[in-house]
């Protein structure tokens, strides 16, 4: 699994990099066919400070690309919300790709 964390208008500190990595480990625990994860952390120059910190993530899993984004006043809260969104998407993708067909019950006559 390749993990790329980059910042736009902010410096990605080792503490922030470790926090993002620990949050995204949950995704690889749920689904082991993750190929590539790209995270972009940015600070927008908006008037309202509520949605200023943004976190975006592209995940390439076997057979599909998943994308989620989150905006919040605190960057750590945005990363938390992003991890929750990605976790739901990965679990839904895993559920769809699993084979749910069961063998029919053999009847005795």
PDB file of N, CA and C in Angstrom:
ATOM      1  N   UNK A   1       0.846  -1.171   0.000  1.00  0.00           N
ATOM      2  CA  UNK A   1       0.000   0.000   0.000  1.00  0.00           C
ATOM      3  C   UNK A   1       0.894   1.237   0.000  1.00  0.00           C
ATOM      4  N   UNK A   2       0.678   2.106  -0.947  1.00  0.00           N
ATOM      5  CA  UNK A   2       1.408   3.366  -1.031  1.00  0.00           C
ATOM      6  C   UNK A   2       0.566   4.460  -0.396  1.00  0.00           C
ATOM      7  N   UNK A   3       1.168   5.219   0.502  1.00  0.00           N
ATOM      8  CA  UNK A   3       0.488   6.314   1.172  1.00  0.00           C
ATOM      9  C   UNK A   3       1.238   7.606   0.880  1.00  0.00           C
ATOM     10  N   UNK A   4       0.530   8.577   0.279  1.00  0.00           N
ATOM     11  CA  UNK A   4       1.112   9.871  -0.046  1.00  0.00           C
ATOM     12  C   UNK A   4       0.313  10.946   0.664  1.00  0.00           C
ATOM     13  N   UNK A   5       0.984  11.717   1.509  1.00  0.00           N
ATOM     14  CA  UNK A   5       0.327  12.809   2.238  1.00  0.00           C
ATOM     15  C   UNK A   5       1.000  14.104   1.799  1.00  0.00           C
ATOM     16  N   UNK A   6       0.206  15.024   1.267  1.00  0.00           N
ATOM     17  CA  UNK A   6       0.759  16.303   0.825  1.00  0.00           C
ATOM     18  C   UNK A   6      -0.086  17.441   1.366  1.00  0.00           C
ATOM     19  N   UNK A   7       0.523  18.608   1.448  1.00  0.00           N
ATOM     20  CA  UNK A   7      -0.163  19.782   1.967  1.00  0.00           C
ATOM     21  C   UNK A   7      -0.205  20.891   0.945  1.00  0.00           C
ATOM     22  N   UNK A   8      -1.284  21.632   0.956  1.00  0.00           N
ATOM     23  CA  UNK A   8      -1.460  22.776   0.067  1.00  0.00           C
ATOM     24  C   UNK A   8      -1.682  23.994   0.962  1.00  0.00           C
ATOM     25  N   UNK A   9      -0.766  24.948   0.928  1.00  0.00           N
ATOM     26  CA  UNK A   9      -0.770  26.136   1.784  1.00  0.00           C
ATOM     27  C   UNK A   9      -0.554  25.798   3.258  1.00  0.00           C
ATOM     28  N   UNK A  10       0.055  24.648   3.539  1.00  0.00           N
ATOM     29  CA  UNK A  10       0.426  24.318   4.897  1.00  0.00           C
ATOM     30  C   UNK A  10       1.545  23.289   4.876  1.00  0.00           C
ATOM     31  N   UNK A  11       2.305  23.261   5.947  1.00  0.00           N
ATOM     32  CA  UNK A  11       3.394  22.300   6.067  1.00  0.00           C
ATOM     33  C   UNK A  11       2.875  21.079   6.819  1.00  0.00           C
ATOM     34  N   UNK A  12       3.141  19.910   6.276  1.00  0.00           N
ATOM     35  CA  UNK A  12       2.702  18.671   6.905  1.00  0.00           C
ATOM     36  C   UNK A  12       3.764  18.285   7.933  1.00  0.00           C
ATOM     37  N   UNK A  13       3.422  18.447   9.206  1.00  0.00           N
ATOM     38  CA  UNK A  13       4.354  18.152  10.289  1.00  0.00           C
ATOM     39  C   UNK A  13       4.379  16.651  10.550  1.00  0.00           C
ATOM     40  N   UNK A  14       5.417  16.154  11.211  1.00  0.00           N
ATOM     41  CA  UNK A  14       5.448  14.719  11.548  1.00  0.00           C
ATOM     42  C   UNK A  14       4.278  14.287  12.432  1.00  0.00           C
ATOM     43  N   UNK A  15       3.820  15.169  13.319  1.00  0.00           N
ATOM     44  CA  UNK A  15       2.675  14.832  14.166  1.00  0.00           C
ATOM     45  C   UNK A  15       1.405  14.675  13.324  1.00  0.00           C
ATOM     46  N   UNK A  16       1.207  15.578  12.381  1.00  0.00           N
ATOM     47  CA  UNK A  16       0.039  15.508  11.505  1.00  0.00           C
ATOM     48  C   UNK A  16       0.119  14.288  10.591  1.00  0.00           C
ATOM     49  N   UNK A  17       1.317  13.995  10.089  1.00  0.00           N
ATOM     50  CA  UNK A  17       1.510  12.821   9.240  1.00  0.00           C
ATOM     51  C   UNK A  17       1.216  11.528  10.023  1.00  0.00           C
ATOM     52  N   UNK A  18       1.663  11.469  11.259  1.00  0.00           N
ATOM     53  CA  UNK A  18       1.391  10.302  12.096  1.00  0.00           C
ATOM     54  C   UNK A  18      -0.085  10.147  12.411  1.00  0.00           C
ATOM     55  N   UNK A  19      -0.777  11.259  12.635  1.00  0.00           N
ATOM     56  CA  UNK A  19      -2.210  11.221  12.928  1.00  0.00           C
ATOM     57  C   UNK A  19      -3.000  10.706  11.727  1.00  0.00           C
ATOM     58  N   UNK A  20      -2.680  11.211  10.544  1.00  0.00           N
ATOM     59  CA  UNK A  20      -3.370  10.764   9.326  1.00  0.00           C
ATOM     60  C   UNK A  20      -3.098   9.281   9.079  1.00  0.00           C
ATOM     61  N   UNK A  21      -1.851   8.866   9.275  1.00  0.00           N
ATOM     62  CA  UNK A  21      -1.491   7.465   9.070  1.00  0.00           C
ATOM     63  C   UNK A  21      -2.236   6.556  10.031  1.00  0.00           C
ATOM     64  N   UNK A  22      -2.334   6.956  11.286  1.00  0.00           N
ATOM     65  CA  UNK A  22      -3.041   6.118  12.268  1.00  0.00           C
ATOM     66  C   UNK A  22      -4.536   6.033  11.964  1.00  0.00           C
ATOM     67  N   UNK A  23      -5.123   7.111  11.460  1.00  0.00           N
ATOM     68  CA  UNK A  23      -6.550   7.089  11.117  1.00  0.00           C
ATOM     69  C   UNK A  23      -6.817   6.223   9.885  1.00  0.00           C
ATOM     70  N   UNK A  24      -5.894   6.233   8.926  1.00  0.00           N
ATOM     71  CA  UNK A  24      -6.115   5.473   7.698  1.00  0.00           C
ATOM     72  C   UNK A  24      -5.730   3.999   7.836  1.00  0.00           C
ATOM     73  N   UNK A  25      -5.074   3.623   8.934  1.00  0.00           N
ATOM     74  CA  UNK A  25      -4.796   2.208   9.171  1.00  0.00           C
ATOM     75  C   UNK A  25      -6.085   1.419   9.352  1.00  0.00           C
ATOM     76  N   UNK A  26      -7.119   2.070   9.841  1.00  0.00           N
ATOM     77  CA  UNK A  26      -8.412   1.410  10.046  1.00  0.00           C
ATOM     78  C   UNK A  26      -8.972   0.907   8.726  1.00  0.00           C
ATOM     79  N   UNK A  27      -8.724   1.647   7.652  1.00  0.00           N
ATOM     80  CA  UNK A  27      -9.223   1.239   6.336  1.00  0.00           C
ATOM     81  C   UNK A  27      -8.510  -0.012   5.861  1.00  0.00           C
ATOM     82  N   UNK A  28      -7.203  -0.053   6.037  1.00  0.00           N
ATOM     83  CA  UNK A  28      -6.464  -1.239   5.596  1.00  0.00           C
ATOM     84  C   UNK A  28      -6.762  -2.446   6.485  1.00  0.00           C
ATOM     85  N   UNK A  29      -7.214  -2.223   7.713  1.00  0.00           N
ATOM     86  CA  UNK A  29      -7.634  -3.328   8.569  1.00  0.00           C
ATOM     87  C   UNK A  29      -8.926  -3.955   8.064  1.00  0.00           C
ATOM     88  N   UNK A  30      -9.837  -3.127   7.560  1.00  0.00           N
ATOM     89  CA  UNK A  30     -11.125  -3.615   7.081  1.00  0.00           C
ATOM     90  C   UNK A  30     -11.025  -4.256   5.705  1.00  0.00           C
ATOM     91  N   UNK A  31     -10.112  -3.759   4.874  1.00  0.00           N
ATOM     92  CA  UNK A  31     -10.048  -4.202   3.485  1.00  0.00           C
ATOM     93  C   UNK A  31      -8.583  -4.248   3.080  1.00  0.00           C
ATOM     94  N   UNK A  32      -8.081  -5.436   2.752  1.00  0.00           N
ATOM     95  CA  UNK A  32      -6.650  -5.587   2.516  1.00  0.00           C
ATOM     96  C   UNK A  32      -6.242  -5.396   1.066  1.00  0.00           C
ATOM     97  N   UNK A  33      -7.155  -5.081   0.162  1.00  0.00           N
ATOM     98  CA  UNK A  33      -6.823  -4.912  -1.245  1.00  0.00           C
ATOM     99  C   UNK A  33      -6.686  -3.443  -1.634  1.00  0.00           C
ATOM    100  N   UNK A  34      -6.207  -2.615  -0.714  1.00  0.00           N
ATOM    101  CA  UNK A  34      -5.970  -1.202  -0.987  1.00  0.00           C
ATOM    102  C   UNK A  34      -4.613  -1.076  -1.674  1.00  0.00           C
ATOM    103  N   UNK A  35      -4.592  -0.443  -2.848  1.00  0.00           N
ATOM    104  CA  UNK A  35      -3.365  -0.314  -3.624  1.00  0.00           C
ATOM    105  C   UNK A  35      -2.651   0.997  -3.315  1.00  0.00           C
ATOM    106  N   UNK A  36      -3.395   2.110  -3.342  1.00  0.00           N
ATOM    107  CA  UNK A  36      -2.776   3.427  -3.250  1.00  0.00           C
ATOM    108  C   UNK A  36      -3.702   4.376  -2.510  1.00  0.00           C
ATOM    109  N   UNK A  37      -3.139   5.208  -1.629  1.00  0.00           N
ATOM    110  CA  UNK A  37      -3.903   6.232  -0.912  1.00  0.00           C
ATOM    111  C   UNK A  37      -3.179   7.562  -1.095  1.00  0.00           C
ATOM    112  N   UNK A  38      -3.910   8.585  -1.574  1.00  0.00           N
ATOM    113  CA  UNK A  38      -3.358   9.927  -1.721  1.00  0.00           C
ATOM    114  C   UNK A  38      -4.192  10.891  -0.889  1.00  0.00           C
ATOM    115  N   UNK A  39      -3.563  11.588   0.050  1.00  0.00           N
ATOM    116  CA  UNK A  39      -4.242  12.518   0.941  1.00  0.00           C
ATOM    117  C   UNK A  39      -3.733  13.922   0.660  1.00  0.00           C
ATOM    118  N   UNK A  40      -4.646  14.868   0.534  1.00  0.00           N
ATOM    119  CA  UNK A  40      -4.291  16.270   0.333  1.00  0.00           C
ATOM    120  C   UNK A  40      -4.912  17.079   1.468  1.00  0.00           C
ATOM    121  N   UNK A  41      -4.068  17.723   2.254  1.00  0.00           N
ATOM    122  CA  UNK A  41      -4.513  18.589   3.341  1.00  0.00           C
ATOM    123  C   UNK A  41      -4.293  20.024   2.906  1.00  0.00           C
ATOM    124  N   UNK A  42      -5.314  20.867   3.074  1.00  0.00           N
ATOM    125  CA  UNK A  42      -5.177  22.240   2.600  1.00  0.00           C
ATOM    126  C   UNK A  42      -5.892  23.213   3.521  1.00  0.00           C
ATOM    127  N   UNK A  43      -5.479  24.457   3.422  1.00  0.00           N
ATOM    128  CA  UNK A  43      -6.123  25.557   4.135  1.00  0.00           C
ATOM    129  C   UNK A  43      -6.639  26.516   3.076  1.00  0.00           C
ATOM    130  N   UNK A  44      -7.947  26.715   3.038  1.00  0.00           N
ATOM    131  CA  UNK A  44      -8.548  27.626   2.064  1.00  0.00           C
ATOM    132  C   UNK A  44      -8.612  29.034   2.644  1.00  0.00           C
ATOM    133  N   UNK A  45      -8.632  29.998   1.780  1.00  0.00           N
ATOM    134  CA  UNK A  45      -8.681  31.393   2.180  1.00  0.00           C
ATOM    135  C   UNK A  45     -10.130  31.872   2.133  1.00  0.00           C
ATOM    136  N   UNK A  46     -10.964  31.292   2.955  1.00  0.00           N
ATOM    137  CA  UNK A  46     -12.378  31.645   2.972  1.00  0.00           C
ATOM    138  C   UNK A  46     -12.654  32.684   4.056  1.00  0.00           C
ATOM    139  N   UNK A  47     -13.748  33.414   3.886  1.00  0.00           N
ATOM    140  CA  UNK A  47     -14.141  34.404   4.883  1.00  0.00           C
ATOM    141  C   UNK A  47     -14.609  33.709   6.164  1.00  0.00           C
ATOM    142  N   UNK A  48     -15.482  32.697   6.019  1.00  0.00           N
ATOM    143  CA  UNK A  48     -15.956  31.995   7.206  1.00  0.00           C
ATOM    144  C   UNK A  48     -14.899  30.982   7.644  1.00  0.00           C
ATOM    145  N   UNK A  49     -14.624  30.936   8.913  1.00  0.00           N
ATOM    146  CA  UNK A  49     -13.567  30.085   9.430  1.00  0.00           C
ATOM    147  C   UNK A  49     -14.072  28.682   9.751  1.00  0.00           C
ATOM    148  N   UNK A  50     -15.374  28.430   9.574  1.00  0.00           N
ATOM    149  CA  UNK A  50     -15.930  27.116   9.907  1.00  0.00           C
ATOM    150  C   UNK A  50     -15.380  26.033   8.988  1.00  0.00           C
ATOM    151  N   UNK A  51     -15.338  26.308   7.715  1.00  0.00           N
ATOM    152  CA  UNK A  51     -14.969  25.302   6.724  1.00  0.00           C
ATOM    153  C   UNK A  51     -13.599  25.583   6.114  1.00  0.00           C
ATOM    154  N   UNK A  52     -12.694  26.117   6.871  1.00  0.00           N
ATOM    155  CA  UNK A  52     -11.427  26.560   6.308  1.00  0.00           C
ATOM    156  C   UNK A  52     -10.426  25.425   6.084  1.00  0.00           C
ATOM    157  N   UNK A  53     -10.346  24.483   6.986  1.00  0.00           N
ATOM    158  CA  UNK A  53      -9.404  23.370   6.886  1.00  0.00           C
ATOM    159  C   UNK A  53     -10.049  22.246   6.080  1.00  0.00           C
ATOM    160  N   UNK A  54      -9.363  21.768   5.045  1.00  0.00           N
ATOM    161  CA  UNK A  54      -9.921  20.727   4.181  1.00  0.00           C
ATOM    162  C   UNK A  54      -9.004  19.530   4.125  1.00  0.00           C
ATOM    163  N   UNK A  55      -9.612  18.364   4.036  1.00  0.00           N
ATOM    164  CA  UNK A  55      -8.871  17.118   3.855  1.00  0.00           C
ATOM    165  C   UNK A  55      -9.553  16.352   2.733  1.00  0.00           C
ATOM    166  N   UNK A  56      -8.785  15.949   1.734  1.00  0.00           N
ATOM    167  CA  UNK A  56      -9.296  15.179   0.603  1.00  0.00           C
ATOM    168  C   UNK A  56      -8.481  13.907   0.489  1.00  0.00           C
ATOM    169  N   UNK A  57      -9.127  12.849  -0.005  1.00  0.00           N
ATOM    170  CA  UNK A  57      -8.409  11.581  -0.124  1.00  0.00           C
ATOM    171  C   UNK A  57      -8.924  10.803  -1.331  1.00  0.00           C
ATOM    172  N   UNK A  58      -7.983  10.273  -2.112  1.00  0.00           N
ATOM    173  CA  UNK A  58      -8.272   9.354  -3.212  1.00  0.00           C
ATOM    174  C   UNK A  58      -7.714   7.996  -2.820  1.00  0.00           C
ATOM    175  N   UNK A  59      -8.553   6.975  -2.898  1.00  0.00           N
ATOM    176  CA  UNK A  59      -8.102   5.622  -2.596  1.00  0.00           C
ATOM    177  C   UNK A  59      -8.315   4.767  -3.826  1.00  0.00           C
ATOM    178  N   UNK A  60      -7.271   4.081  -4.230  1.00  0.00           N
ATOM    179  CA  UNK A  60      -7.367   3.148  -5.347  1.00  0.00           C
ATOM    180  C   UNK A  60      -7.391   1.745  -4.761  1.00  0.00           C
ATOM    181  N   UNK A  61      -8.550   1.094  -4.863  1.00  0.00           N
ATOM    182  CA  UNK A  61      -8.676  -0.293  -4.422  1.00  0.00           C
ATOM    183  C   UNK A  61      -8.832  -1.155  -5.657  1.00  0.00           C
ATOM    184  N   UNK A  62      -8.764  -2.429  -5.472  1.00  0.00           N
ATOM    185  CA  UNK A  62      -8.866  -3.345  -6.604  1.00  0.00           C
ATOM    186  C   UNK A  62     -10.237  -3.193  -7.259  1.00  0.00           C
ATOM    187  N   UNK A  63     -10.230  -2.654  -8.464  1.00  0.00           N
ATOM    188  CA  UNK A  63     -11.468  -2.538  -9.228  1.00  0.00           C
ATOM    189  C   UNK A  63     -12.177  -1.203  -9.149  1.00  0.00           C
ATOM    190  N   UNK A  64     -11.696  -0.262  -8.333  1.00  0.00           N
ATOM    191  CA  UNK A  64     -12.437   0.981  -8.196  1.00  0.00           C
ATOM    192  C   UNK A  64     -11.574   2.065  -7.556  1.00  0.00           C
ATOM    193  N   UNK A  65     -11.933   3.318  -7.803  1.00  0.00           N
ATOM    194  CA  UNK A  65     -11.313   4.456  -7.122  1.00  0.00           C
ATOM    195  C   UNK A  65     -12.364   5.095  -6.222  1.00  0.00           C
ATOM    196  N   UNK A  66     -11.994   5.382  -4.986  1.00  0.00           N
ATOM    197  CA  UNK A  66     -12.900   6.001  -4.017  1.00  0.00           C
ATOM    198  C   UNK A  66     -12.370   7.391  -3.680  1.00  0.00           C
ATOM    199  N   UNK A  67     -13.275   8.347  -3.479  1.00  0.00           N
ATOM    200  CA  UNK A  67     -12.893   9.719  -3.167  1.00  0.00           C
ATOM    201  C   UNK A  67     -13.776  10.235  -2.050  1.00  0.00           C
ATOM    202  N   UNK A  68     -13.179  10.971  -1.128  1.00  0.00           N
ATOM    203  CA  UNK A  68     -13.938  11.627  -0.068  1.00  0.00           C
ATOM    204  C   UNK A  68     -13.221  12.925   0.293  1.00  0.00           C
ATOM    205  N   UNK A  69     -14.015  13.883   0.776  1.00  0.00           N
ATOM    206  CA  UNK A  69     -13.438  15.138   1.235  1.00  0.00           C
ATOM    207  C   UNK A  69     -14.210  15.618   2.453  1.00  0.00           C
ATOM    208  N   UNK A  70     -13.536  16.418   3.255  1.00  0.00           N
ATOM    209  CA  UNK A  70     -14.131  16.917   4.476  1.00  0.00           C
ATOM    210  C   UNK A  70     -13.564  18.296   4.770  1.00  0.00           C
ATOM    211  N   UNK A  71     -14.399  19.177   5.316  1.00  0.00           N
ATOM    212  CA  UNK A  71     -13.963  20.523   5.675  1.00  0.00           C
ATOM    213  C   UNK A  71     -14.444  20.825   7.086  1.00  0.00           C
ATOM    214  N   UNK A  72     -13.577  21.454   7.872  1.00  0.00           N
ATOM    215  CA  UNK A  72     -13.908  21.745   9.257  1.00  0.00           C
ATOM    216  C   UNK A  72     -13.036  22.907   9.727  1.00  0.00           C
ATOM    217  N   UNK A  73     -13.359  23.462  10.886  1.00  0.00           N
ATOM    218  CA  UNK A  73     -12.546  24.540  11.436  1.00  0.00           C
ATOM    219  C   UNK A  73     -11.210  24.012  11.963  1.00  0.00           C
ATOM    220  N   UNK A  74     -11.183  22.757  12.409  1.00  0.00           N
ATOM    221  CA  UNK A  74      -9.972  22.128  12.923  1.00  0.00           C
ATOM    222  C   UNK A  74      -9.527  21.040  11.953  1.00  0.00           C
ATOM    223  N   UNK A  75      -8.251  21.002  11.609  1.00  0.00           N
ATOM    224  CA  UNK A  75      -7.752  20.040  10.629  1.00  0.00           C
ATOM    225  C   UNK A  75      -7.842  18.612  11.151  1.00  0.00           C
ATOM    226  N   UNK A  76      -7.615  18.417  12.440  1.00  0.00           N
ATOM    227  CA  UNK A  76      -7.717  17.072  13.016  1.00  0.00           C
ATOM    228  C   UNK A  76      -9.151  16.555  12.964  1.00  0.00           C
ATOM    229  N   UNK A  77     -10.128  17.434  13.182  1.00  0.00           N
ATOM    230  CA  UNK A  77     -11.533  17.046  13.075  1.00  0.00           C
ATOM    231  C   UNK A  77     -11.891  16.712  11.628  1.00  0.00           C
ATOM    232  N   UNK A  78     -11.317  17.455  10.688  1.00  0.00           N
ATOM    233  CA  UNK A  78     -11.551  17.170   9.274  1.00  0.00           C
ATOM    234  C   UNK A  78     -10.985  15.811   8.899  1.00  0.00           C
ATOM    235  N   UNK A  79      -9.822  15.448   9.439  1.00  0.00           N
ATOM    236  CA  UNK A  79      -9.226  14.141   9.166  1.00  0.00           C
ATOM    237  C   UNK A  79     -10.077  13.030   9.782  1.00  0.00           C
ATOM    238  N   UNK A  80     -10.617  13.259  10.993  1.00  0.00           N
ATOM    239  CA  UNK A  80     -11.508  12.275  11.623  1.00  0.00           C
ATOM    240  C   UNK A  80     -12.736  12.015  10.766  1.00  0.00           C
ATOM    241  N   UNK A  81     -13.368  13.087  10.305  1.00  0.00           N
ATOM    242  CA  UNK A  81     -14.561  12.960   9.478  1.00  0.00           C
ATOM    243  C   UNK A  81     -14.239  12.287   8.144  1.00  0.00           C
ATOM    244  N   UNK A  82     -13.085  12.606   7.583  1.00  0.00           N
ATOM    245  CA  UNK A  82     -12.644  11.992   6.333  1.00  0.00           C
ATOM    246  C   UNK A  82     -12.446  10.487   6.512  1.00  0.00           C
ATOM    247  N   UNK A  83     -11.821  10.085   7.599  1.00  0.00           N
ATOM    248  CA  UNK A  83     -11.598   8.658   7.861  1.00  0.00           C
ATOM    249  C   UNK A  83     -12.913   7.911   8.022  1.00  0.00           C
ATOM    250  N   UNK A  84     -13.900   8.535   8.674  1.00  0.00           N
ATOM    251  CA  UNK A  84     -15.212   7.896   8.824  1.00  0.00           C
ATOM    252  C   UNK A  84     -15.890   7.713   7.470  1.00  0.00           C
ATOM    253  N   UNK A  85     -15.837   8.738   6.623  1.00  0.00           N
ATOM    254  CA  UNK A  85     -16.450   8.643   5.296  1.00  0.00           C
ATOM    255  C   UNK A  85     -15.785   7.554   4.457  1.00  0.00           C
ATOM    256  N   UNK A  86     -14.466   7.524   4.486  1.00  0.00           N
ATOM    257  CA  UNK A  86     -13.735   6.521   3.704  1.00  0.00           C
ATOM    258  C   UNK A  86     -13.992   5.113   4.220  1.00  0.00           C
ATOM    259  N   UNK A  87     -14.097   4.968   5.521  1.00  0.00           N
ATOM    260  CA  UNK A  87     -14.360   3.656   6.108  1.00  0.00           C
ATOM    261  C   UNK A  87     -15.712   3.127   5.640  1.00  0.00           C
ATOM    262  N   UNK A  88     -16.727   3.988   5.622  1.00  0.00           N
ATOM    263  CA  UNK A  88     -18.047   3.570   5.133  1.00  0.00           C
ATOM    264  C   UNK A  88     -17.991   3.174   3.663  1.00  0.00           C
ATOM    265  N   UNK A  89     -17.275   3.940   2.844  1.00  0.00           N
ATOM    266  CA  UNK A  89     -17.178   3.630   1.415  1.00  0.00           C
ATOM    267  C   UNK A  89     -16.452   2.314   1.177  1.00  0.00           C
ATOM    268  N   UNK A  90     -15.371   2.087   1.914  1.00  0.00           N
ATOM    269  CA  UNK A  90     -14.597   0.863   1.728  1.00  0.00           C
ATOM    270  C   UNK A  90     -15.412  -0.351   2.172  1.00  0.00           C
ATOM    271  N   UNK A  91     -16.124  -0.243   3.291  1.00  0.00           N
ATOM    272  CA  UNK A  91     -16.947  -1.364   3.748  1.00  0.00           C
ATOM    273  C   UNK A  91     -18.076  -1.660   2.761  1.00  0.00           C
ATOM    274  N   UNK A  92     -18.678  -0.622   2.186  1.00  0.00           N
ATOM    275  CA  UNK A  92     -19.736  -0.828   1.196  1.00  0.00           C
ATOM    276  C   UNK A  92     -19.165  -1.479  -0.067  1.00  0.00           C
ATOM    277  N   UNK A  93     -17.983  -1.047  -0.488  1.00  0.00           N
ATOM    278  CA  UNK A  93     -17.337  -1.649  -1.662  1.00  0.00           C
ATOM    279  C   UNK A  93     -16.983  -3.111  -1.387  1.00  0.00           C
ATOM    280  N   UNK A  94     -16.492  -3.407  -0.214  1.00  0.00           N
ATOM    281  CA  UNK A  94     -16.141  -4.773   0.155  1.00  0.00           C
ATOM    282  C   UNK A  94     -17.381  -5.656   0.169  1.00  0.00           C
ATOM    283  N   UNK A  95     -18.482  -5.117   0.689  1.00  0.00           N
ATOM    284  CA  UNK A  95     -19.733  -5.880   0.748  1.00  0.00           C
ATOM    285  C   UNK A  95     -20.266  -6.170  -0.653  1.00  0.00           C
ATOM    286  N   UNK A  96     -20.123  -5.225  -1.558  1.00  0.00           N
ATOM    287  CA  UNK A  96     -20.612  -5.419  -2.926  1.00  0.00           C
ATOM    288  C   UNK A  96     -19.772  -6.427  -3.707  1.00  0.00           C
ATOM    289  N   UNK A  97     -18.486  -6.466  -3.449  1.00  0.00           N
ATOM    290  CA  UNK A  97     -17.613  -7.349  -4.225  1.00  0.00           C
ATOM    291  C   UNK A  97     -17.583  -8.778  -3.702  1.00  0.00           C
ATOM    292  N   UNK A  98     -18.026  -9.003  -2.478  1.00  0.00           N
ATOM    293  CA  UNK A  98     -18.020 -10.360  -1.945  1.00  0.00           C
ATOM    294  C   UNK A  98     -19.089 -11.193  -2.628  1.00  0.00           C
ATOM    295  N   UNK A  99     -18.810 -12.464  -2.745  1.00  0.00           N
ATOM    296  CA  UNK A  99     -19.759 -13.387  -3.357  1.00  0.00           C
ATOM    297  C   UNK A  99     -20.771 -13.807  -2.297  1.00  0.00           C
ATOM    298  N   UNK A 100     -22.033 -13.428  -2.491  1.00  0.00           N
ATOM    299  CA  UNK A 100     -23.070 -13.735  -1.518  1.00  0.00           C
ATOM    300  C   UNK A 100     -23.923 -14.930  -1.944  1.00  0.00           C
ATOM    301  N   UNK A 101     -23.508 -15.621  -2.979  1.00  0.00           N
ATOM    302  CA  UNK A 101     -24.285 -16.756  -3.439  1.00  0.00           C
ATOM    303  C   UNK A 101     -23.950 -17.978  -2.590  1.00  0.00           C
ATOM    304  N   UNK A 102     -24.986 -18.618  -2.117  1.00  0.00           N
ATOM    305  CA  UNK A 102     -24.806 -19.809  -1.294  1.00  0.00           C
ATOM    306  C   UNK A 102     -25.290 -21.025  -2.072  1.00  0.00           C
ATOM    307  N   UNK A 103     -24.782 -22.151  -1.702  1.00  0.00           N
ATOM    308  CA  UNK A 103     -25.234 -23.393  -2.320  1.00  0.00           C
ATOM    309  C   UNK A 103     -26.676 -23.646  -1.870  1.00  0.00           C
ATOM    310  N   UNK A 104     -27.532 -24.083  -2.805  1.00  0.00           N
ATOM    311  CA  UNK A 104     -28.905 -24.379  -2.389  1.00  0.00           C
ATOM    312  C   UNK A 104     -28.936 -25.612  -1.485  1.00  0.00           C
ATOM    313  N   UNK A 105     -29.899 -25.624  -0.627  1.00  0.00           N
ATOM    314  CA  UNK A 105     -30.034 -26.747   0.282  1.00  0.00           C
ATOM    315  C   UNK A 105     -30.540 -27.958  -0.492  1.00  0.00           C
ATOM    316  N   UNK A 106     -29.861 -29.067  -0.323  1.00  0.00           N
ATOM    317  CA  UNK A 106     -30.268 -30.283  -1.029  1.00  0.00           C
ATOM    318  C   UNK A 106     -31.408 -30.931  -0.251  1.00  0.00           C
ATOM    319  N   UNK A 107     -32.442 -31.212  -0.980  1.00  0.00           N
ATOM    320  CA  UNK A 107     -33.610 -31.825  -0.334  1.00  0.00           C
ATOM    321  C   UNK A 107     -33.516 -33.332  -0.443  1.00  0.00           C
ATOM    322  N   UNK A 108     -33.863 -33.956   0.619  1.00  0.00           N
ATOM    323  CA  UNK A 108     -33.891 -35.418   0.622  1.00  0.00           C
ATOM    324  C   UNK A 108     -35.310 -35.860   0.278  1.00  0.00           C
ATOM    325  N   UNK A 109     -35.376 -36.837  -0.604  1.00  0.00           N
ATOM    326  CA  UNK A 109     -36.706 -37.316  -0.993  1.00  0.00           C
ATOM    327  C   UNK A 109     -36.900 -38.726  -0.537  1.00  0.00           C
TER     328      UNK A 109
END
